[in-house]
Each structure stands twice: as structure tokens, then as C-alpha cells.
């Protein structure tokens, strides 16, 4: 990820499916259920974080190991995840922190990568 506060189209080279966790209630039983609902499929810059970045990020957040940058996306909720199809299957990213920068037109996401 570039150190500047800009986002370049060439950096957005990963296809990421973004899903929000939505809680719904059954009208008959009033039981609440949670399900993943796709918000959008976007181009993203996905980078593993360096050791120093991880240490700094974990001082303020829980475990993180990946930084994701996407163009600004309305409707992204705090309880969200991303998934990316790779050669060996699917990689999931649990979003830990969402840091929008509306002036610059992007969102930085601190995430924890996990395999399906």
C-alpha cells in the first residue's frame, strides 16, 4: 500500500466480496438469526502488515494482520467480512476496524485473515 494518502487504480488488484452480518428475526418464533449478506464486490488493495504495523495496530485493536484499502463504499458496517477467491480456495478477512476517509474517497480496513 502506498504511503501517500491517495488511491491508485493499479493498486486495486484484488477482487473482494464484502458482506455485512445482518440479524433478522423470525416473525413466528421471534428467534433472532444472523446471516451474511453481500453488500458489494469491489476492487481492493490487500497487503499483509509488517511486524511493526501489526504491533502498532494491536495496541489499539484486537488481532490484525492485513490492511485492505477500497474506494469509499456506503453501507459498510462494523460487523463485516470480506472474501477473496484464490488458487487454493477462498480466503476470508474478518474486519476488525473500518477507517473511512471520505475526503480522499477510500476506506482503510484492518482485518484478520483466515482460511475457509
N, C-alpha and C. Protein backbone atom coordinates (compact mmCIF):
# COMPACT_ATOMS: atom_id res chain seq x y z
N UNK A 1 0.84 -1.17 0.00
CA UNK A 1 0.00 0.00 0.00
C UNK A 1 0.89 1.24 0.00
N UNK A 2 0.61 2.19 -0.83
CA UNK A 2 1.46 3.38 -0.89
C UNK A 2 1.39 4.15 0.41
N UNK A 3 2.45 4.84 0.73
CA UNK A 3 2.49 5.60 1.97
C UNK A 3 1.74 6.92 1.85
N UNK A 4 1.38 7.31 0.66
CA UNK A 4 0.64 8.56 0.48
C UNK A 4 -0.83 8.34 0.79
N UNK A 5 -1.55 9.43 0.86
CA UNK A 5 -2.99 9.36 1.15
C UNK A 5 -3.81 9.30 -0.12
N UNK A 6 -3.33 8.65 -1.14
CA UNK A 6 -4.07 8.53 -2.38
C UNK A 6 -4.35 7.07 -2.67
N UNK A 7 -5.25 6.86 -3.60
CA UNK A 7 -5.54 5.51 -4.03
C UNK A 7 -5.42 5.49 -5.55
N UNK A 8 -4.61 4.57 -6.05
CA UNK A 8 -4.39 4.47 -7.49
C UNK A 8 -5.09 3.23 -8.01
N UNK A 9 -5.68 3.34 -9.19
CA UNK A 9 -6.42 2.22 -9.77
C UNK A 9 -5.54 0.98 -9.89
N UNK A 10 -4.27 1.13 -10.21
CA UNK A 10 -3.37 0.00 -10.36
C UNK A 10 -3.13 -0.77 -9.08
N UNK A 11 -3.33 -0.11 -7.93
CA UNK A 11 -3.15 -0.78 -6.65
C UNK A 11 -4.34 -1.68 -6.30
N UNK A 12 -5.48 -1.41 -6.92
CA UNK A 12 -6.69 -2.17 -6.62
C UNK A 12 -6.72 -3.41 -7.52
N UNK A 13 -5.98 -4.45 -7.10
CA UNK A 13 -5.79 -5.61 -7.96
C UNK A 13 -6.33 -6.91 -7.37
N UNK A 14 -7.15 -6.81 -6.34
CA UNK A 14 -7.79 -7.98 -5.73
C UNK A 14 -9.31 -7.78 -5.80
N UNK A 15 -10.02 -8.84 -6.18
CA UNK A 15 -11.48 -8.78 -6.22
C UNK A 15 -11.99 -9.27 -4.87
N UNK A 16 -12.70 -8.40 -4.14
CA UNK A 16 -13.12 -8.68 -2.78
C UNK A 16 -14.64 -8.62 -2.67
N UNK A 17 -15.24 -9.67 -2.15
CA UNK A 17 -16.68 -9.68 -1.88
C UNK A 17 -16.86 -9.23 -0.44
N UNK A 18 -17.61 -8.16 -0.25
CA UNK A 18 -17.83 -7.61 1.09
C UNK A 18 -19.22 -7.98 1.56
N UNK A 19 -19.28 -8.52 2.78
CA UNK A 19 -20.55 -8.94 3.36
C UNK A 19 -20.74 -8.32 4.72
N UNK A 20 -21.97 -7.88 5.00
CA UNK A 20 -22.35 -7.40 6.32
C UNK A 20 -23.05 -8.52 7.07
N UNK A 21 -22.85 -8.58 8.38
CA UNK A 21 -23.57 -9.53 9.22
C UNK A 21 -24.89 -8.88 9.60
N UNK A 22 -25.98 -9.52 9.21
CA UNK A 22 -27.31 -8.95 9.42
C UNK A 22 -28.09 -9.86 10.35
N UNK A 23 -28.77 -9.25 11.31
CA UNK A 23 -29.60 -10.00 12.24
C UNK A 23 -31.06 -9.86 11.82
N UNK A 24 -31.73 -10.97 11.67
CA UNK A 24 -33.15 -10.96 11.33
C UNK A 24 -33.90 -11.77 12.37
N UNK A 25 -35.17 -11.46 12.52
CA UNK A 25 -35.97 -12.22 13.48
C UNK A 25 -37.11 -12.91 12.76
N UNK A 26 -37.38 -14.11 13.19
CA UNK A 26 -38.46 -14.91 12.64
C UNK A 26 -39.77 -14.37 13.21
N UNK A 27 -40.72 -14.06 12.34
CA UNK A 27 -41.98 -13.46 12.82
C UNK A 27 -42.82 -14.45 13.61
N UNK A 28 -42.62 -15.74 13.41
CA UNK A 28 -43.41 -16.73 14.14
C UNK A 28 -42.82 -17.07 15.49
N UNK A 29 -41.52 -17.28 15.55
CA UNK A 29 -40.90 -17.69 16.80
C UNK A 29 -40.20 -16.55 17.53
N UNK A 30 -40.02 -15.42 16.87
CA UNK A 30 -39.31 -14.25 17.42
C UNK A 30 -37.84 -14.56 17.71
N UNK A 31 -37.34 -15.65 17.15
CA UNK A 31 -35.94 -16.00 17.33
C UNK A 31 -35.09 -15.19 16.35
N UNK A 32 -33.99 -14.67 16.85
CA UNK A 32 -33.09 -13.88 16.01
C UNK A 32 -32.05 -14.80 15.38
N UNK A 33 -31.79 -14.58 14.10
CA UNK A 33 -30.76 -15.32 13.41
C UNK A 33 -29.83 -14.34 12.72
N UNK A 34 -28.57 -14.72 12.61
CA UNK A 34 -27.60 -13.89 11.92
C UNK A 34 -27.21 -14.56 10.61
N UNK A 35 -27.04 -13.74 9.57
CA UNK A 35 -26.60 -14.28 8.29
C UNK A 35 -25.74 -13.23 7.59
N UNK A 36 -24.87 -13.73 6.69
CA UNK A 36 -24.01 -12.85 5.92
C UNK A 36 -24.74 -12.45 4.64
N UNK A 37 -24.81 -11.15 4.39
CA UNK A 37 -25.47 -10.61 3.21
C UNK A 37 -24.45 -9.82 2.41
N UNK A 38 -24.34 -10.13 1.13
CA UNK A 38 -23.36 -9.46 0.27
C UNK A 38 -23.76 -8.00 0.06
N UNK A 39 -22.86 -7.11 0.39
CA UNK A 39 -23.06 -5.68 0.16
C UNK A 39 -22.60 -5.30 -1.23
N UNK A 40 -21.39 -5.75 -1.59
CA UNK A 40 -20.83 -5.37 -2.88
C UNK A 40 -19.60 -6.22 -3.18
N UNK A 41 -19.24 -6.27 -4.46
CA UNK A 41 -17.98 -6.85 -4.88
C UNK A 41 -17.14 -5.70 -5.42
N UNK A 42 -15.95 -5.50 -4.83
CA UNK A 42 -15.15 -4.32 -5.14
C UNK A 42 -13.71 -4.73 -5.47
N UNK A 43 -12.99 -3.82 -6.09
CA UNK A 43 -11.55 -3.97 -6.28
C UNK A 43 -10.87 -3.42 -5.04
N UNK A 44 -9.86 -4.13 -4.56
CA UNK A 44 -9.20 -3.75 -3.31
C UNK A 44 -7.69 -3.90 -3.41
N UNK A 45 -7.00 -3.14 -2.57
CA UNK A 45 -5.57 -3.30 -2.35
C UNK A 45 -5.44 -4.05 -1.03
N UNK A 46 -4.95 -5.28 -1.08
CA UNK A 46 -4.84 -6.13 0.11
C UNK A 46 -3.37 -6.41 0.36
N UNK A 47 -2.90 -6.01 1.53
CA UNK A 47 -1.48 -6.18 1.87
C UNK A 47 -1.34 -6.78 3.27
N UNK A 48 -0.44 -7.74 3.41
CA UNK A 48 -0.11 -8.19 4.76
C UNK A 48 0.62 -7.06 5.49
N UNK A 49 0.38 -6.95 6.77
CA UNK A 49 1.03 -5.89 7.54
C UNK A 49 2.40 -6.36 8.00
N UNK A 50 3.33 -5.40 8.13
CA UNK A 50 4.66 -5.71 8.65
C UNK A 50 4.57 -5.91 10.16
N UNK A 51 5.62 -6.47 10.72
CA UNK A 51 5.65 -6.70 12.17
C UNK A 51 5.41 -5.44 12.97
N UNK A 52 6.05 -4.32 12.59
CA UNK A 52 5.86 -3.06 13.31
C UNK A 52 4.44 -2.55 13.18
N UNK A 53 3.86 -2.66 11.97
CA UNK A 53 2.48 -2.22 11.77
C UNK A 53 1.52 -3.04 12.62
N UNK A 54 1.76 -4.34 12.68
CA UNK A 54 0.89 -5.21 13.49
C UNK A 54 0.97 -4.82 14.95
N UNK A 55 2.18 -4.58 15.46
CA UNK A 55 2.33 -4.21 16.87
C UNK A 55 1.59 -2.91 17.16
N UNK A 56 1.74 -1.91 16.29
CA UNK A 56 1.05 -0.62 16.50
C UNK A 56 -0.46 -0.78 16.41
N UNK A 57 -0.93 -1.54 15.44
CA UNK A 57 -2.38 -1.71 15.26
C UNK A 57 -2.98 -2.48 16.43
N UNK A 58 -2.26 -3.45 16.96
CA UNK A 58 -2.80 -4.26 18.04
C UNK A 58 -2.79 -3.54 19.38
N UNK A 59 -2.09 -2.43 19.48
CA UNK A 59 -2.16 -1.64 20.71
C UNK A 59 -3.55 -1.03 20.85
N UNK A 60 -4.17 -0.69 19.72
CA UNK A 60 -5.49 -0.06 19.75
C UNK A 60 -6.60 -1.06 19.43
N UNK A 61 -6.30 -2.11 18.73
CA UNK A 61 -7.31 -3.06 18.27
C UNK A 61 -6.95 -4.46 18.72
N UNK A 62 -7.85 -5.40 18.47
CA UNK A 62 -7.51 -6.80 18.72
C UNK A 62 -6.62 -7.30 17.59
N UNK A 63 -6.48 -8.58 17.43
CA UNK A 63 -5.54 -9.14 16.46
C UNK A 63 -5.84 -8.68 15.03
N UNK A 64 -4.85 -8.18 14.37
CA UNK A 64 -4.94 -7.81 12.95
C UNK A 64 -3.66 -8.24 12.25
N UNK A 65 -3.77 -8.59 10.96
CA UNK A 65 -2.57 -8.94 10.21
C UNK A 65 -2.63 -8.48 8.76
N UNK A 66 -3.73 -7.84 8.38
CA UNK A 66 -3.92 -7.44 6.99
C UNK A 66 -4.52 -6.03 6.92
N UNK A 67 -4.03 -5.26 5.95
CA UNK A 67 -4.59 -3.93 5.69
C UNK A 67 -5.23 -3.97 4.31
N UNK A 68 -6.49 -3.53 4.24
CA UNK A 68 -7.24 -3.52 2.99
C UNK A 68 -7.66 -2.09 2.70
N UNK A 69 -7.49 -1.66 1.46
CA UNK A 69 -7.94 -0.33 1.05
C UNK A 69 -8.90 -0.49 -0.13
N UNK A 70 -10.08 0.13 -0.01
CA UNK A 70 -11.07 0.11 -1.08
C UNK A 70 -11.56 1.53 -1.32
N UNK A 71 -12.18 1.74 -2.47
CA UNK A 71 -12.84 3.03 -2.69
C UNK A 71 -13.98 3.15 -1.70
N UNK A 72 -14.38 4.39 -1.41
CA UNK A 72 -15.43 4.60 -0.42
C UNK A 72 -16.68 3.82 -0.79
N UNK A 73 -17.29 3.18 0.19
CA UNK A 73 -18.46 2.34 -0.03
C UNK A 73 -19.48 2.61 1.07
N UNK A 74 -20.61 3.18 0.69
CA UNK A 74 -21.68 3.43 1.66
C UNK A 74 -22.29 2.10 2.09
N UNK A 75 -22.70 2.03 3.34
CA UNK A 75 -23.39 0.85 3.84
C UNK A 75 -22.50 -0.19 4.49
N UNK A 76 -21.20 0.04 4.51
CA UNK A 76 -20.28 -0.89 5.16
C UNK A 76 -20.44 -0.78 6.66
N UNK A 77 -20.72 -1.90 7.32
CA UNK A 77 -21.00 -1.89 8.76
C UNK A 77 -19.80 -2.42 9.55
N UNK A 78 -19.83 -2.16 10.84
CA UNK A 78 -18.73 -2.59 11.70
C UNK A 78 -18.60 -4.11 11.74
N UNK A 79 -19.72 -4.82 11.66
CA UNK A 79 -19.68 -6.29 11.67
C UNK A 79 -19.72 -6.77 10.23
N UNK A 80 -18.55 -6.83 9.62
CA UNK A 80 -18.47 -7.19 8.21
C UNK A 80 -17.26 -8.10 7.99
N UNK A 81 -17.24 -8.68 6.81
CA UNK A 81 -16.10 -9.51 6.41
C UNK A 81 -15.92 -9.39 4.91
N UNK A 82 -14.77 -9.83 4.46
CA UNK A 82 -14.50 -9.87 3.03
C UNK A 82 -14.03 -11.26 2.66
N UNK A 83 -14.21 -11.61 1.41
CA UNK A 83 -13.69 -12.89 0.94
C UNK A 83 -13.10 -12.71 -0.45
N UNK A 84 -12.07 -13.47 -0.71
CA UNK A 84 -11.35 -13.39 -1.97
C UNK A 84 -11.09 -14.80 -2.48
N UNK A 85 -11.43 -15.05 -3.72
CA UNK A 85 -11.13 -16.35 -4.33
C UNK A 85 -9.66 -16.37 -4.73
N UNK A 86 -8.96 -17.40 -4.29
CA UNK A 86 -7.55 -17.58 -4.62
C UNK A 86 -7.38 -18.97 -5.23
N UNK A 87 -6.19 -19.26 -5.68
CA UNK A 87 -5.92 -20.52 -6.37
C UNK A 87 -6.33 -21.75 -5.57
N UNK A 88 -6.11 -21.72 -4.27
CA UNK A 88 -6.38 -22.89 -3.42
C UNK A 88 -7.74 -22.86 -2.75
N UNK A 89 -8.61 -21.91 -3.07
CA UNK A 89 -9.92 -21.84 -2.42
C UNK A 89 -10.32 -20.40 -2.14
N UNK A 90 -10.79 -20.17 -0.95
CA UNK A 90 -11.27 -18.85 -0.55
C UNK A 90 -10.55 -18.40 0.71
N UNK A 91 -10.16 -17.14 0.74
CA UNK A 91 -9.58 -16.53 1.94
C UNK A 91 -10.60 -15.55 2.49
N UNK A 92 -10.82 -15.61 3.79
CA UNK A 92 -11.74 -14.69 4.45
C UNK A 92 -10.96 -13.68 5.28
N UNK A 93 -11.49 -12.49 5.37
CA UNK A 93 -10.91 -11.43 6.18
C UNK A 93 -11.99 -10.94 7.14
N UNK A 94 -11.77 -11.13 8.44
CA UNK A 94 -12.67 -10.59 9.44
C UNK A 94 -12.29 -9.14 9.68
N UNK A 95 -13.20 -8.22 9.41
CA UNK A 95 -12.91 -6.81 9.56
C UNK A 95 -12.91 -6.45 11.04
N UNK A 96 -11.79 -5.90 11.50
CA UNK A 96 -11.63 -5.52 12.89
C UNK A 96 -11.90 -4.03 13.07
N UNK A 97 -11.42 -3.22 12.14
CA UNK A 97 -11.58 -1.77 12.24
C UNK A 97 -11.78 -1.19 10.84
N UNK A 98 -12.76 -0.31 10.71
CA UNK A 98 -13.07 0.33 9.43
C UNK A 98 -12.76 1.82 9.59
N UNK A 99 -11.84 2.32 8.75
CA UNK A 99 -11.36 3.70 8.87
C UNK A 99 -11.65 4.47 7.58
N UNK A 100 -12.84 5.08 7.48
CA UNK A 100 -13.17 5.80 6.24
C UNK A 100 -12.45 7.14 6.13
N UNK A 101 -12.11 7.51 4.91
CA UNK A 101 -11.57 8.83 4.61
C UNK A 101 -12.39 9.37 3.43
N UNK A 102 -13.52 9.98 3.75
CA UNK A 102 -14.44 10.45 2.71
C UNK A 102 -13.84 11.53 1.84
N UNK A 103 -13.00 12.38 2.42
CA UNK A 103 -12.37 13.43 1.63
C UNK A 103 -11.51 12.85 0.52
N UNK A 104 -10.78 11.80 0.82
CA UNK A 104 -9.89 11.17 -0.16
C UNK A 104 -10.61 10.10 -0.98
N UNK A 105 -11.80 9.67 -0.52
CA UNK A 105 -12.59 8.72 -1.29
C UNK A 105 -12.23 7.27 -1.10
N UNK A 106 -11.67 6.90 0.06
CA UNK A 106 -11.34 5.50 0.29
C UNK A 106 -11.63 5.10 1.73
N UNK A 107 -11.56 3.81 1.97
CA UNK A 107 -11.70 3.24 3.31
C UNK A 107 -10.52 2.31 3.54
N UNK A 108 -9.84 2.47 4.67
CA UNK A 108 -8.83 1.51 5.10
C UNK A 108 -9.49 0.57 6.09
N UNK A 109 -9.21 -0.70 5.95
CA UNK A 109 -9.79 -1.72 6.82
C UNK A 109 -8.65 -2.53 7.43
N UNK A 110 -8.65 -2.65 8.75
CA UNK A 110 -7.72 -3.53 9.44
C UNK A 110 -8.45 -4.85 9.65
N UNK A 111 -7.82 -5.94 9.24
CA UNK A 111 -8.52 -7.23 9.24
C UNK A 111 -7.63 -8.36 9.72
N UNK A 112 -8.27 -9.45 10.06
CA UNK A 112 -7.59 -10.69 10.42
C UNK A 112 -7.90 -11.71 9.34
N UNK A 113 -6.87 -12.21 8.68
CA UNK A 113 -7.05 -13.17 7.60
C UNK A 113 -7.25 -14.56 8.18
N UNK A 114 -8.19 -15.30 7.58
CA UNK A 114 -8.37 -16.70 7.95
C UNK A 114 -8.75 -17.48 6.71
N UNK A 115 -8.35 -18.72 6.66
CA UNK A 115 -8.69 -19.57 5.52
C UNK A 115 -10.01 -20.27 5.80
N UNK A 116 -10.74 -20.59 4.75
CA UNK A 116 -12.08 -21.20 4.89
C UNK A 116 -11.99 -22.55 5.55
